[in-house]
Each structure stands twice: as C-alpha cells, then as structure tokens.
Amino acid sequence: MSDWVQVGDDGVARCWWPGVADDYVEYHDHEWGRPVVDDTRLFEKICLEGFQSGLSWITILRKRENFRAGFADFVPASVAAFGEADVARLLGDAGIVRHQGKIRSAINNANRALELIEEKGSLAAYFWSWEPTETEGDRTGDPPVPATTPTSTAIARDLKKRGWTFVGPTTVYAFMQAMGLVNDHLPGCQAGRACDEARAALRRPT
C-alpha cells in the first residue's frame, strides 16, 4: 500500500488528502472520481474548480450549497442570463467566494457552455471525448499525482480558444479528476475500486 494511502479509524483505506473531516471524507468516498455525465453537474464542477484556484478545495466544498443557491443550481442557461444586478448580488453574498473575476467568468463560461452544447450535443459528449486511453503525467512525485497532464493542457487550450476563462491546465486536471474522466484514487484506496467499477459500467455519451 502506498505511503499516501491511510487507514482511517473506521478501518477504510483512503487517499491521504481528505484527512479526518467528515464532509471531506464523504466527498472522497462517494463523489470524487465517480463518472459524471449530467451537464448541470459538469458545469458546476468546472465552475467550482475555477473558484477554487488559489484556495483549498475544502473551502469550496463547504460553500457549495451557497454557490448552488447563488448560481441557480449551475443550470447553464440560467447562469448565462445573469446580468449586472446578479454580479452585484453575488459580490454581496458572504456565503460564496466573492471574487469579481471568477463570478464574471462563471457567467461567461455559461454562455460558452451553451455554444458547446449546441455544437456537440452536450457538455458530457465534449468532455468524455477527451478521456485518456492510458495513465498520463509524472507519477513519481510526492504525492504521486500530477497537477497537469497532456490531456488537461489540450482541453484547457481548446476551451480558451472557445472563449472560456479560468480554465488553465491545473484547473482542468482537477476537474477531470473530480468528474471521473480519470481515476486518480491511489492504489489501495477502497474508493478507487468503486470508481473503477462505475467507470467500467458507464455508457460514454456521444
């Protein structure tokens, strides 16, 4: 078992990063790495990864319900319709990360998401078309999980060409991990096996 896999008080082997916080452990065990094909949830995940930039993920996770309330549950068409009054409303919302650039980015990206849905049929069809066929990135580091990969770099480049913002290679790779486009649970992590099974059973969107 990797040194980066820890056995909790409940006897379950997990990746090191959720620690012992109940909400973080729940996210690790039942959400992170599970394959997602719902466009609303995909849009939410990529927006929240953008908000996470420069912050810890646990900060975003604990504000997620506030984000959902403020951003119309991340329905792309609803967020795309936001105007200056919504920007002002969100800047006044202490329950979220009040960063004007990131707020405006989410609204911009909602419009770009609608364009992508029109072109590709769904966000799911677009993102799953990028699924790597083999493990990528340098796995020899401490921890042995890369921050970026060739695929995340390529997706980030393509999204930026399409007008998306706050979608650099690191943000995109975190999104790939969260949505299950890759399974980066470490060897020995019990949740990793469940993700493998879910990915094996998944019907990829086209």
Protein backbone atom coordinates (compact mmCIF):
# COMPACT_ATOMS: atom_id res chain seq x y z
CA MET A 1 0.00 0.00 0.00
CA SER A 2 1.27 3.49 -0.85
CA ASP A 3 2.51 5.75 1.93
CA TRP A 4 -0.06 8.20 0.57
CA VAL A 5 -2.93 5.86 1.46
CA GLN A 6 -4.09 5.96 5.07
CA VAL A 7 -6.39 3.70 7.05
CA GLY A 8 -9.00 5.66 8.98
CA ASP A 9 -10.45 4.89 12.38
CA ASP A 10 -13.27 3.12 10.52
CA GLY A 11 -10.76 0.69 9.02
CA VAL A 12 -11.19 2.04 5.48
CA ALA A 13 -8.10 2.71 3.37
CA ARG A 14 -8.23 6.10 1.65
CA CYS A 15 -6.10 8.61 -0.21
CA TRP A 16 -4.39 10.91 2.29
CA TRP A 17 -5.95 14.20 1.24
CA PRO A 18 -9.41 14.20 2.92
CA GLY A 19 -7.84 13.71 6.34
CA VAL A 20 -10.44 13.05 9.02
CA ALA A 21 -13.03 15.78 8.31
CA ASP A 22 -16.37 14.04 7.89
CA ASP A 23 -17.56 16.13 4.93
CA TYR A 24 -14.25 15.77 3.12
CA VAL A 25 -14.18 12.01 3.71
CA GLU A 26 -17.75 11.75 2.39
CA TYR A 27 -16.75 13.68 -0.75
CA HIS A 28 -13.71 11.47 -1.27
CA ASP A 29 -15.56 8.21 -0.70
CA HIS A 30 -18.75 8.85 -2.67
CA GLU A 31 -18.19 11.63 -5.21
CA TRP A 32 -14.60 12.37 -6.24
CA GLY A 33 -13.65 10.28 -9.24
CA ARG A 34 -17.15 8.90 -9.86
CA PRO A 35 -18.06 9.36 -13.55
CA VAL A 36 -20.44 12.28 -14.22
CA VAL A 37 -22.44 12.69 -17.43
CA ASP A 38 -25.04 15.26 -16.31
CA ASP A 39 -24.38 18.64 -17.94
CA THR A 40 -25.53 20.71 -14.97
CA ARG A 41 -23.23 18.89 -12.59
CA LEU A 42 -20.35 19.06 -15.07
CA PHE A 43 -20.82 22.80 -15.40
CA GLU A 44 -20.96 23.12 -11.63
CA LYS A 45 -17.75 21.16 -11.20
CA ILE A 46 -15.74 23.16 -13.71
CA CYS A 47 -17.04 26.45 -12.25
CA LEU A 48 -16.19 25.42 -8.70
CA GLU A 49 -12.72 24.30 -9.73
CA GLY A 50 -12.26 27.78 -11.16
CA PHE A 51 -13.40 29.34 -7.88
CA GLN A 52 -11.02 27.03 -6.03
CA SER A 53 -7.97 28.49 -7.80
CA GLY A 54 -5.66 29.80 -5.07
CA LEU A 55 -7.79 28.32 -2.29
CA SER A 56 -8.23 24.93 -0.64
CA TRP A 57 -10.91 22.61 -2.03
CA ILE A 58 -12.43 22.09 1.42
CA THR A 59 -13.24 25.83 1.46
CA ILE A 60 -15.22 25.47 -1.77
CA LEU A 61 -16.85 22.20 -0.71
CA ARG A 62 -18.19 23.79 2.46
CA LYS A 63 -19.62 26.69 0.47
CA ARG A 64 -21.06 24.53 -2.32
CA GLU A 65 -24.70 24.78 -1.27
CA ASN A 66 -24.34 28.57 -1.11
CA PHE A 67 -22.81 28.55 -4.57
CA ARG A 68 -25.69 26.44 -5.87
CA ALA A 69 -28.22 28.85 -4.40
CA GLY A 70 -26.40 31.88 -5.77
CA PHE A 71 -25.79 30.43 -9.23
CA ALA A 72 -29.24 28.96 -9.96
CA ASP A 73 -28.00 25.42 -9.27
CA PHE A 74 -25.46 25.94 -12.09
CA VAL A 75 -28.01 25.41 -14.85
CA PRO A 76 -26.00 26.87 -17.77
CA ALA A 77 -28.95 28.63 -19.43
CA SER A 78 -29.92 30.28 -16.15
CA VAL A 79 -26.39 31.47 -15.34
CA ALA A 80 -25.91 32.70 -18.92
CA ALA A 81 -28.84 35.08 -18.37
CA PHE A 82 -27.22 36.75 -15.32
CA GLY A 83 -26.66 40.49 -15.62
CA GLU A 84 -25.02 43.26 -13.61
CA ALA A 85 -27.62 43.02 -10.86
CA ASP A 86 -26.66 39.37 -10.38
CA VAL A 87 -22.97 40.24 -10.29
CA ALA A 88 -23.70 42.81 -7.57
CA ARG A 89 -25.86 40.29 -5.70
CA LEU A 90 -23.13 37.68 -5.76
CA LEU A 91 -20.44 40.15 -4.72
CA GLY A 92 -22.59 40.82 -1.66
CA ASP A 93 -23.06 37.13 -0.83
CA ALA A 94 -20.78 36.24 2.09
CA GLY A 95 -21.61 32.56 1.61
CA ILE A 96 -19.53 32.24 -1.56
CA VAL A 97 -16.09 33.34 -2.75
CA ARG A 98 -16.65 37.00 -3.65
CA HIS A 99 -14.14 37.36 -6.45
CA GLN A 100 -15.50 39.54 -9.25
CA GLY A 101 -13.29 37.99 -11.91
CA LYS A 102 -14.39 34.47 -11.03
CA ILE A 103 -18.05 35.46 -10.82
CA ARG A 104 -17.92 37.07 -14.25
CA SER A 105 -16.00 34.06 -15.55
CA ALA A 106 -18.78 31.70 -14.47
CA ILE A 107 -21.33 33.82 -16.34
CA ASN A 108 -19.12 33.98 -19.42
CA ASN A 109 -18.49 30.25 -19.28
CA ALA A 110 -22.21 29.54 -19.05
CA ASN A 111 -22.64 31.27 -22.40
CA ARG A 112 -19.70 29.36 -23.83
CA ALA A 113 -21.19 26.14 -22.43
CA LEU A 114 -24.43 26.78 -24.32
CA GLU A 115 -22.41 27.21 -27.52
CA LEU A 116 -20.60 23.96 -26.84
CA ILE A 117 -23.88 22.13 -26.17
CA GLU A 118 -25.26 23.47 -29.44
CA GLU A 119 -22.18 22.23 -31.29
CA LYS A 120 -21.54 18.89 -29.57
CA GLY A 121 -24.97 17.96 -28.24
CA SER A 122 -23.95 18.10 -24.59
CA LEU A 123 -21.10 19.08 -22.32
CA ALA A 124 -20.81 15.41 -21.44
CA ALA A 125 -20.21 14.43 -25.07
CA TYR A 126 -17.50 17.07 -25.35
CA PHE A 127 -15.62 16.27 -22.15
CA TRP A 128 -15.86 12.50 -22.42
CA SER A 129 -14.44 12.67 -25.94
CA TRP A 130 -11.17 13.66 -24.23
CA GLU A 131 -10.96 10.58 -22.00
CA PRO A 132 -7.32 9.43 -21.93
CA THR A 133 -6.63 5.90 -23.13
CA GLU A 134 -3.72 5.46 -20.73
CA THR A 135 -2.39 6.92 -17.50
CA GLU A 136 -0.73 10.28 -18.04
CA GLY A 137 1.61 12.54 -16.14
CA ASP A 138 4.57 12.10 -13.83
CA ARG A 139 3.57 9.65 -11.09
CA THR A 140 6.93 9.66 -9.30
CA GLY A 141 6.37 12.81 -7.25
CA ASP A 142 5.42 13.31 -3.63
CA PRO A 143 2.43 12.80 -3.76
CA PRO A 144 2.44 10.60 -6.89
CA VAL A 145 -0.37 12.52 -8.63
CA PRO A 146 0.36 15.12 -11.33
CA ALA A 147 -1.02 18.66 -11.31
CA THR A 148 -1.39 18.71 -15.09
CA THR A 149 -1.27 16.20 -17.94
CA PRO A 150 -1.06 16.42 -21.73
CA THR A 151 -4.84 15.95 -21.92
CA SER A 152 -5.64 18.66 -19.37
CA THR A 153 -3.32 21.00 -21.23
CA ALA A 154 -5.03 20.21 -24.54
CA ILE A 155 -8.53 20.67 -23.09
CA ALA A 156 -7.52 23.97 -21.48
CA ARG A 157 -6.11 25.19 -24.78
CA ASP A 158 -9.27 24.19 -26.65
CA LEU A 159 -11.61 25.77 -24.08
CA LYS A 160 -9.65 29.02 -24.13
CA LYS A 161 -9.89 29.10 -27.92
CA ARG A 162 -13.65 28.80 -27.43
CA GLY A 163 -13.66 31.80 -25.07
CA TRP A 164 -13.75 30.05 -21.68
CA THR A 165 -11.85 31.64 -18.78
CA PHE A 166 -10.32 30.36 -15.52
CA VAL A 167 -9.70 27.02 -17.22
CA GLY A 168 -5.93 26.56 -17.06
CA PRO A 169 -4.35 23.07 -17.26
CA THR A 170 -4.25 22.65 -13.46
CA THR A 171 -7.89 23.64 -13.02
CA VAL A 172 -8.91 21.37 -15.88
CA TYR A 173 -7.00 18.42 -14.45
CA ALA A 174 -8.66 18.88 -11.06
CA PHE A 175 -11.98 18.90 -12.94
CA MET A 176 -11.03 15.71 -14.83
CA GLN A 177 -10.27 14.01 -11.51
CA ALA A 178 -13.47 15.24 -9.85
CA MET A 179 -15.78 14.23 -12.72
CA GLY A 180 -14.24 10.79 -13.16
CA LEU A 181 -12.67 11.34 -16.58
CA VAL A 182 -9.65 9.81 -14.84
CA ASN A 183 -9.50 7.74 -11.68
CA ASP A 184 -6.72 9.16 -9.52
CA HIS A 185 -7.53 7.34 -6.30
CA LEU A 186 -4.23 5.80 -5.30
CA PRO A 187 -3.54 2.04 -5.33
CA GLY A 188 -5.01 0.55 -2.17
CA CYS A 189 -7.68 3.21 -1.75
CA GLN A 190 -11.04 1.50 -1.32
CA ALA A 191 -12.92 4.23 -3.19
CA GLY A 192 -10.70 3.68 -6.21
CA ARG A 193 -12.15 0.22 -6.76
CA ALA A 194 -15.69 1.60 -6.65
CA CYS A 195 -14.72 4.26 -9.22
CA ASP A 196 -13.21 1.61 -11.49
CA GLU A 197 -16.45 -0.37 -11.34
CA ALA A 198 -18.57 2.74 -12.07
CA ARG A 199 -16.35 3.69 -14.98
CA ALA A 200 -16.46 0.16 -16.37
CA ALA A 201 -20.28 0.20 -16.27
CA LEU A 202 -20.58 3.70 -17.74
CA ARG A 203 -22.09 4.20 -21.16
CA ARG A 204 -19.97 7.00 -22.60
CA PRO A 205 -22.03 9.88 -24.05
CA THR A 206 -21.71 10.59 -27.77
